[in-house]
Amino acid sequence: MTEFSEVKFVATSTGDHMIMTEIWLKDGRELGKFIAEKIGRLEGVQRVCPAVIMEKLKDSCG
């Protein structure tokens, strides 16, 4: 994931979602294409569960 310029943040986590990313794209269509053509083809990827942030309430990092 770190090699894609669209990916702004990557972290590993516990629980159901082993890798969390922040990806900046123009719209939902681009997101679907990115998931299908890039993330979905990565070795080891079994499932992708996208969630779109509707509103950022606080950002005290960076």
PDB file of N, CA and C in Angstrom:
ATOM      1  N   MET A   1       0.806  -1.195   0.000  1.00  0.00           N
ATOM      2  CA  MET A   1       0.000   0.000   0.000  1.00  0.00           C
ATOM      3  C   MET A   1       0.856   1.269   0.000  1.00  0.00           C
ATOM      4  N   THR A   2       1.997   1.201   0.612  1.00  0.00           N
ATOM      5  CA  THR A   2       2.818   2.406   0.737  1.00  0.00           C
ATOM      6  C   THR A   2       3.351   2.923  -0.592  1.00  0.00           C
ATOM      7  N   GLU A   3       3.371   2.087  -1.618  1.00  0.00           N
ATOM      8  CA  GLU A   3       3.926   2.522  -2.907  1.00  0.00           C
ATOM      9  C   GLU A   3       2.957   3.357  -3.740  1.00  0.00           C
ATOM     10  N   PHE A   4       1.681   3.401  -3.374  1.00  0.00           N
ATOM     11  CA  PHE A   4       0.690   4.145  -4.152  1.00  0.00           C
ATOM     12  C   PHE A   4       0.636   5.604  -3.698  1.00  0.00           C
ATOM     13  N   SER A   5       0.763   6.537  -4.621  1.00  0.00           N
ATOM     14  CA  SER A   5       0.748   7.963  -4.267  1.00  0.00           C
ATOM     15  C   SER A   5      -0.602   8.399  -3.702  1.00  0.00           C
ATOM     16  N   GLU A   6      -1.671   7.710  -4.050  1.00  0.00           N
ATOM     17  CA  GLU A   6      -3.008   8.050  -3.552  1.00  0.00           C
ATOM     18  C   GLU A   6      -3.170   7.726  -2.067  1.00  0.00           C
ATOM     19  N   VAL A   7      -2.345   6.817  -1.566  1.00  0.00           N
ATOM     20  CA  VAL A   7      -2.428   6.395  -0.163  1.00  0.00           C
ATOM     21  C   VAL A   7      -1.636   7.376   0.692  1.00  0.00           C
ATOM     22  N   LYS A   8      -2.327   8.030   1.631  1.00  0.00           N
ATOM     23  CA  LYS A   8      -1.709   9.056   2.471  1.00  0.00           C
ATOM     24  C   LYS A   8      -1.333   8.542   3.854  1.00  0.00           C
ATOM     25  N   PHE A   9      -1.922   7.421   4.296  1.00  0.00           N
ATOM     26  CA  PHE A   9      -1.699   6.888   5.637  1.00  0.00           C
ATOM     27  C   PHE A   9      -1.895   5.384   5.594  1.00  0.00           C
ATOM     28  N   VAL A  10      -1.006   4.634   6.251  1.00  0.00           N
ATOM     29  CA  VAL A  10      -1.134   3.174   6.352  1.00  0.00           C
ATOM     30  C   VAL A  10      -0.734   2.765   7.763  1.00  0.00           C
ATOM     31  N   ALA A  11      -1.536   1.905   8.388  1.00  0.00           N
ATOM     32  CA  ALA A  11      -1.209   1.384   9.715  1.00  0.00           C
ATOM     33  C   ALA A  11      -1.744  -0.034   9.840  1.00  0.00           C
ATOM     34  N   THR A  12      -1.059  -0.842  10.628  1.00  0.00           N
ATOM     35  CA  THR A  12      -1.584  -2.165  10.949  1.00  0.00           C
ATOM     36  C   THR A  12      -2.394  -2.041  12.233  1.00  0.00           C
ATOM     37  N   SER A  13      -3.361  -2.926  12.407  1.00  0.00           N
ATOM     38  CA  SER A  13      -4.227  -2.852  13.576  1.00  0.00           C
ATOM     39  C   SER A  13      -4.649  -4.248  14.014  1.00  0.00           C
ATOM     40  N   THR A  14      -5.273  -4.312  15.168  1.00  0.00           N
ATOM     41  CA  THR A  14      -5.840  -5.561  15.651  1.00  0.00           C
ATOM     42  C   THR A  14      -7.304  -5.618  15.242  1.00  0.00           C
ATOM     43  N   GLY A  15      -7.917  -6.763  15.408  1.00  0.00           N
ATOM     44  CA  GLY A  15      -9.335  -6.883  15.106  1.00  0.00           C
ATOM     45  C   GLY A  15      -9.595  -7.289  13.673  1.00  0.00           C
ATOM     46  N   ASP A  16     -10.796  -7.009  13.211  1.00  0.00           N
ATOM     47  CA  ASP A  16     -11.238  -7.439  11.887  1.00  0.00           C
ATOM     48  C   ASP A  16     -10.499  -6.749  10.746  1.00  0.00           C
ATOM     49  N   HIS A  17     -10.054  -5.531  10.967  1.00  0.00           N
ATOM     50  CA  HIS A  17      -9.392  -4.762   9.916  1.00  0.00           C
ATOM     51  C   HIS A  17      -7.903  -4.709  10.210  1.00  0.00           C
ATOM     52  N   MET A  18      -7.139  -5.547   9.534  1.00  0.00           N
ATOM     53  CA  MET A  18      -5.714  -5.691   9.842  1.00  0.00           C
ATOM     54  C   MET A  18      -4.867  -4.536   9.326  1.00  0.00           C
ATOM     55  N   ILE A  19      -5.303  -3.890   8.267  1.00  0.00           N
ATOM     56  CA  ILE A  19      -4.585  -2.739   7.719  1.00  0.00           C
ATOM     57  C   ILE A  19      -5.585  -1.607   7.509  1.00  0.00           C
ATOM     58  N   MET A  20      -5.258  -0.438   8.033  1.00  0.00           N
ATOM     59  CA  MET A  20      -6.096   0.746   7.865  1.00  0.00           C
ATOM     60  C   MET A  20      -5.346   1.717   6.967  1.00  0.00           C
ATOM     61  N   THR A  21      -6.042   2.303   6.004  1.00  0.00           N
ATOM     62  CA  THR A  21      -5.407   3.263   5.104  1.00  0.00           C
ATOM     63  C   THR A  21      -6.281   4.496   4.938  1.00  0.00           C
ATOM     64  N   GLU A  22      -5.656   5.580   4.568  1.00  0.00           N
ATOM     65  CA  GLU A  22      -6.363   6.786   4.138  1.00  0.00           C
ATOM     66  C   GLU A  22      -5.954   7.006   2.693  1.00  0.00           C
ATOM     67  N   ILE A  23      -6.947   7.033   1.819  1.00  0.00           N
ATOM     68  CA  ILE A  23      -6.693   7.148   0.384  1.00  0.00           C
ATOM     69  C   ILE A  23      -7.444   8.363  -0.141  1.00  0.00           C
ATOM     70  N   TRP A  24      -6.757   9.226  -0.852  1.00  0.00           N
ATOM     71  CA  TRP A  24      -7.377  10.423  -1.417  1.00  0.00           C
ATOM     72  C   TRP A  24      -7.639  10.217  -2.898  1.00  0.00           C
ATOM     73  N   LEU A  25      -8.918  10.266  -3.260  1.00  0.00           N
ATOM     74  CA  LEU A  25      -9.323  10.138  -4.657  1.00  0.00           C
ATOM     75  C   LEU A  25     -10.428  11.145  -4.951  1.00  0.00           C
ATOM     76  N   LYS A  26     -10.725  11.331  -6.219  1.00  0.00           N
ATOM     77  CA  LYS A  26     -11.688  12.339  -6.668  1.00  0.00           C
ATOM     78  C   LYS A  26     -13.123  12.006  -6.260  1.00  0.00           C
ATOM     79  N   ASP A  27     -13.522  10.738  -6.424  1.00  0.00           N
ATOM     80  CA  ASP A  27     -14.910  10.374  -6.156  1.00  0.00           C
ATOM     81  C   ASP A  27     -15.045   8.867  -5.934  1.00  0.00           C
ATOM     82  N   GLY A  28     -16.266   8.426  -5.711  1.00  0.00           N
ATOM     83  CA  GLY A  28     -16.537   7.016  -5.463  1.00  0.00           C
ATOM     84  C   GLY A  28     -16.175   6.112  -6.623  1.00  0.00           C
ATOM     85  N   ARG A  29     -16.328   6.605  -7.815  1.00  0.00           N
ATOM     86  CA  ARG A  29     -15.967   5.815  -8.999  1.00  0.00           C
ATOM     87  C   ARG A  29     -14.463   5.525  -9.006  1.00  0.00           C
ATOM     88  N   GLU A  30     -13.662   6.552  -8.731  1.00  0.00           N
ATOM     89  CA  GLU A  30     -12.212   6.354  -8.662  1.00  0.00           C
ATOM     90  C   GLU A  30     -11.837   5.407  -7.523  1.00  0.00           C
ATOM     91  N   LEU A  31     -12.549   5.503  -6.404  1.00  0.00           N
ATOM     92  CA  LEU A  31     -12.288   4.602  -5.281  1.00  0.00           C
ATOM     93  C   LEU A  31     -12.557   3.154  -5.678  1.00  0.00           C
ATOM     94  N   GLY A  32     -13.684   2.907  -6.324  1.00  0.00           N
ATOM     95  CA  GLY A  32     -14.004   1.558  -6.780  1.00  0.00           C
ATOM     96  C   GLY A  32     -12.961   1.010  -7.733  1.00  0.00           C
ATOM     97  N   LYS A  33     -12.514   1.847  -8.644  1.00  0.00           N
ATOM     98  CA  LYS A  33     -11.490   1.437  -9.609  1.00  0.00           C
ATOM     99  C   LYS A  33     -10.164   1.150  -8.906  1.00  0.00           C
ATOM    100  N   PHE A  34      -9.803   2.001  -7.961  1.00  0.00           N
ATOM    101  CA  PHE A  34      -8.560   1.815  -7.213  1.00  0.00           C
ATOM    102  C   PHE A  34      -8.594   0.503  -6.424  1.00  0.00           C
ATOM    103  N   ILE A  35      -9.707   0.232  -5.780  1.00  0.00           N
ATOM    104  CA  ILE A  35      -9.854  -1.009  -5.011  1.00  0.00           C
ATOM    105  C   ILE A  35      -9.756  -2.217  -5.932  1.00  0.00           C
ATOM    106  N   ALA A  36     -10.469  -2.190  -7.040  1.00  0.00           N
ATOM    107  CA  ALA A  36     -10.492  -3.337  -7.956  1.00  0.00           C
ATOM    108  C   ALA A  36      -9.159  -3.555  -8.658  1.00  0.00           C
ATOM    109  N   GLU A  37      -8.550  -2.482  -9.132  1.00  0.00           N
ATOM    110  CA  GLU A  37      -7.362  -2.613  -9.974  1.00  0.00           C
ATOM    111  C   GLU A  37      -6.039  -2.613  -9.213  1.00  0.00           C
ATOM    112  N   LYS A  38      -6.027  -2.055  -8.025  1.00  0.00           N
ATOM    113  CA  LYS A  38      -4.764  -1.978  -7.286  1.00  0.00           C
ATOM    114  C   LYS A  38      -4.808  -2.785  -5.990  1.00  0.00           C
ATOM    115  N   ILE A  39      -5.691  -2.435  -5.079  1.00  0.00           N
ATOM    116  CA  ILE A  39      -5.719  -3.127  -3.788  1.00  0.00           C
ATOM    117  C   ILE A  39      -6.124  -4.584  -3.950  1.00  0.00           C
ATOM    118  N   GLY A  40      -7.159  -4.834  -4.711  1.00  0.00           N
ATOM    119  CA  GLY A  40      -7.657  -6.197  -4.886  1.00  0.00           C
ATOM    120  C   GLY A  40      -6.677  -7.150  -5.526  1.00  0.00           C
ATOM    121  N   ARG A  41      -5.691  -6.627  -6.212  1.00  0.00           N
ATOM    122  CA  ARG A  41      -4.693  -7.468  -6.887  1.00  0.00           C
ATOM    123  C   ARG A  41      -3.421  -7.679  -6.065  1.00  0.00           C
ATOM    124  N   LEU A  42      -3.346  -7.058  -4.904  1.00  0.00           N
ATOM    125  CA  LEU A  42      -2.165  -7.227  -4.060  1.00  0.00           C
ATOM    126  C   LEU A  42      -2.136  -8.630  -3.461  1.00  0.00           C
ATOM    127  N   GLU A  43      -0.956  -9.198  -3.388  1.00  0.00           N
ATOM    128  CA  GLU A  43      -0.799 -10.531  -2.811  1.00  0.00           C
ATOM    129  C   GLU A  43      -1.258 -10.529  -1.355  1.00  0.00           C
ATOM    130  N   GLY A  44      -2.076 -11.499  -0.991  1.00  0.00           N
ATOM    131  CA  GLY A  44      -2.540 -11.651   0.382  1.00  0.00           C
ATOM    132  C   GLY A  44      -3.853 -10.963   0.689  1.00  0.00           C
ATOM    133  N   VAL A  45      -4.325 -10.085  -0.185  1.00  0.00           N
ATOM    134  CA  VAL A  45      -5.592  -9.395   0.062  1.00  0.00           C
ATOM    135  C   VAL A  45      -6.737 -10.375  -0.172  1.00  0.00           C
ATOM    136  N   GLN A  46      -7.532 -10.597   0.874  1.00  0.00           N
ATOM    137  CA  GLN A  46      -8.669 -11.507   0.785  1.00  0.00           C
ATOM    138  C   GLN A  46      -9.994 -10.762   0.750  1.00  0.00           C
ATOM    139  N   ARG A  47     -10.009  -9.585   1.388  1.00  0.00           N
ATOM    140  CA  ARG A  47     -11.256  -8.828   1.479  1.00  0.00           C
ATOM    141  C   ARG A  47     -10.923  -7.354   1.666  1.00  0.00           C
ATOM    142  N   VAL A  48     -11.717  -6.493   1.083  1.00  0.00           N
ATOM    143  CA  VAL A  48     -11.570  -5.048   1.244  1.00  0.00           C
ATOM    144  C   VAL A  48     -12.888  -4.517   1.787  1.00  0.00           C
ATOM    145  N   CYS A  49     -12.817  -3.747   2.868  1.00  0.00           N
ATOM    146  CA  CYS A  49     -14.015  -3.183   3.505  1.00  0.00           C
ATOM    147  C   CYS A  49     -13.888  -1.661   3.541  1.00  0.00           C
ATOM    148  N   PRO A  50     -14.236  -0.985   2.454  1.00  0.00           N
ATOM    149  CA  PRO A  50     -14.070   0.470   2.423  1.00  0.00           C
ATOM    150  C   PRO A  50     -15.085   1.188   3.307  1.00  0.00           C
ATOM    151  N   ALA A  51     -14.649   2.285   3.891  1.00  0.00           N
ATOM    152  CA  ALA A  51     -15.518   3.176   4.658  1.00  0.00           C
ATOM    153  C   ALA A  51     -15.137   4.600   4.269  1.00  0.00           C
ATOM    154  N   VAL A  52     -16.114   5.398   3.928  1.00  0.00           N
ATOM    155  CA  VAL A  52     -15.870   6.778   3.504  1.00  0.00           C
ATOM    156  C   VAL A  52     -16.136   7.709   4.679  1.00  0.00           C
ATOM    157  N   ILE A  53     -15.171   8.567   4.993  1.00  0.00           N
ATOM    158  CA  ILE A  53     -15.346   9.549   6.061  1.00  0.00           C
ATOM    159  C   ILE A  53     -16.216  10.679   5.528  1.00  0.00           C
ATOM    160  N   MET A  54     -17.316  10.917   6.202  1.00  0.00           N
ATOM    161  CA  MET A  54     -18.256  11.947   5.766  1.00  0.00           C
ATOM    162  C   MET A  54     -17.889  13.332   6.308  1.00  0.00           C
ATOM    163  N   GLU A  55     -17.356  13.366   7.538  1.00  0.00           N
ATOM    164  CA  GLU A  55     -17.011  14.644   8.151  1.00  0.00           C
ATOM    165  C   GLU A  55     -15.881  14.422   9.156  1.00  0.00           C
ATOM    166  N   LYS A  56     -14.830  15.205   9.053  1.00  0.00           N
ATOM    167  CA  LYS A  56     -13.737  15.135  10.019  1.00  0.00           C
ATOM    168  C   LYS A  56     -14.063  16.094  11.154  1.00  0.00           C
ATOM    169  N   LEU A  57     -14.135  15.563  12.378  1.00  0.00           N
ATOM    170  CA  LEU A  57     -14.513  16.372  13.524  1.00  0.00           C
ATOM    171  C   LEU A  57     -13.315  16.932  14.286  1.00  0.00           C
ATOM    172  N   LYS A  58     -12.189  16.228  14.214  1.00  0.00           N
ATOM    173  CA  LYS A  58     -10.976  16.711  14.870  1.00  0.00           C
ATOM    174  C   LYS A  58      -9.773  16.091  14.189  1.00  0.00           C
ATOM    175  N   ASP A  59      -8.727  16.879  14.012  1.00  0.00           N
ATOM    176  CA  ASP A  59      -7.471  16.392  13.463  1.00  0.00           C
ATOM    177  C   ASP A  59      -6.353  17.166  14.145  1.00  0.00           C
ATOM    178  N   SER A  60      -5.778  16.563  15.174  1.00  0.00           N
ATOM    179  CA  SER A  60      -4.720  17.255  15.907  1.00  0.00           C
ATOM    180  C   SER A  60      -3.336  16.735  15.554  1.00  0.00           C
ATOM    181  N   CYS A  61      -3.266  15.865  14.561  1.00  0.00           N
ATOM    182  CA  CYS A  61      -1.977  15.320  14.124  1.00  0.00           C
ATOM    183  C   CYS A  61      -1.470  16.109  12.926  1.00  0.00           C
ATOM    184  N   GLY A  62      -0.183  16.433  12.964  1.00  0.00           N
ATOM    185  CA  GLY A  62       0.466  17.070  11.816  1.00  0.00           C
ATOM    186  C   GLY A  62      -0.140  18.361  11.467  1.00  0.00           C
TER     187      GLY A  62
END
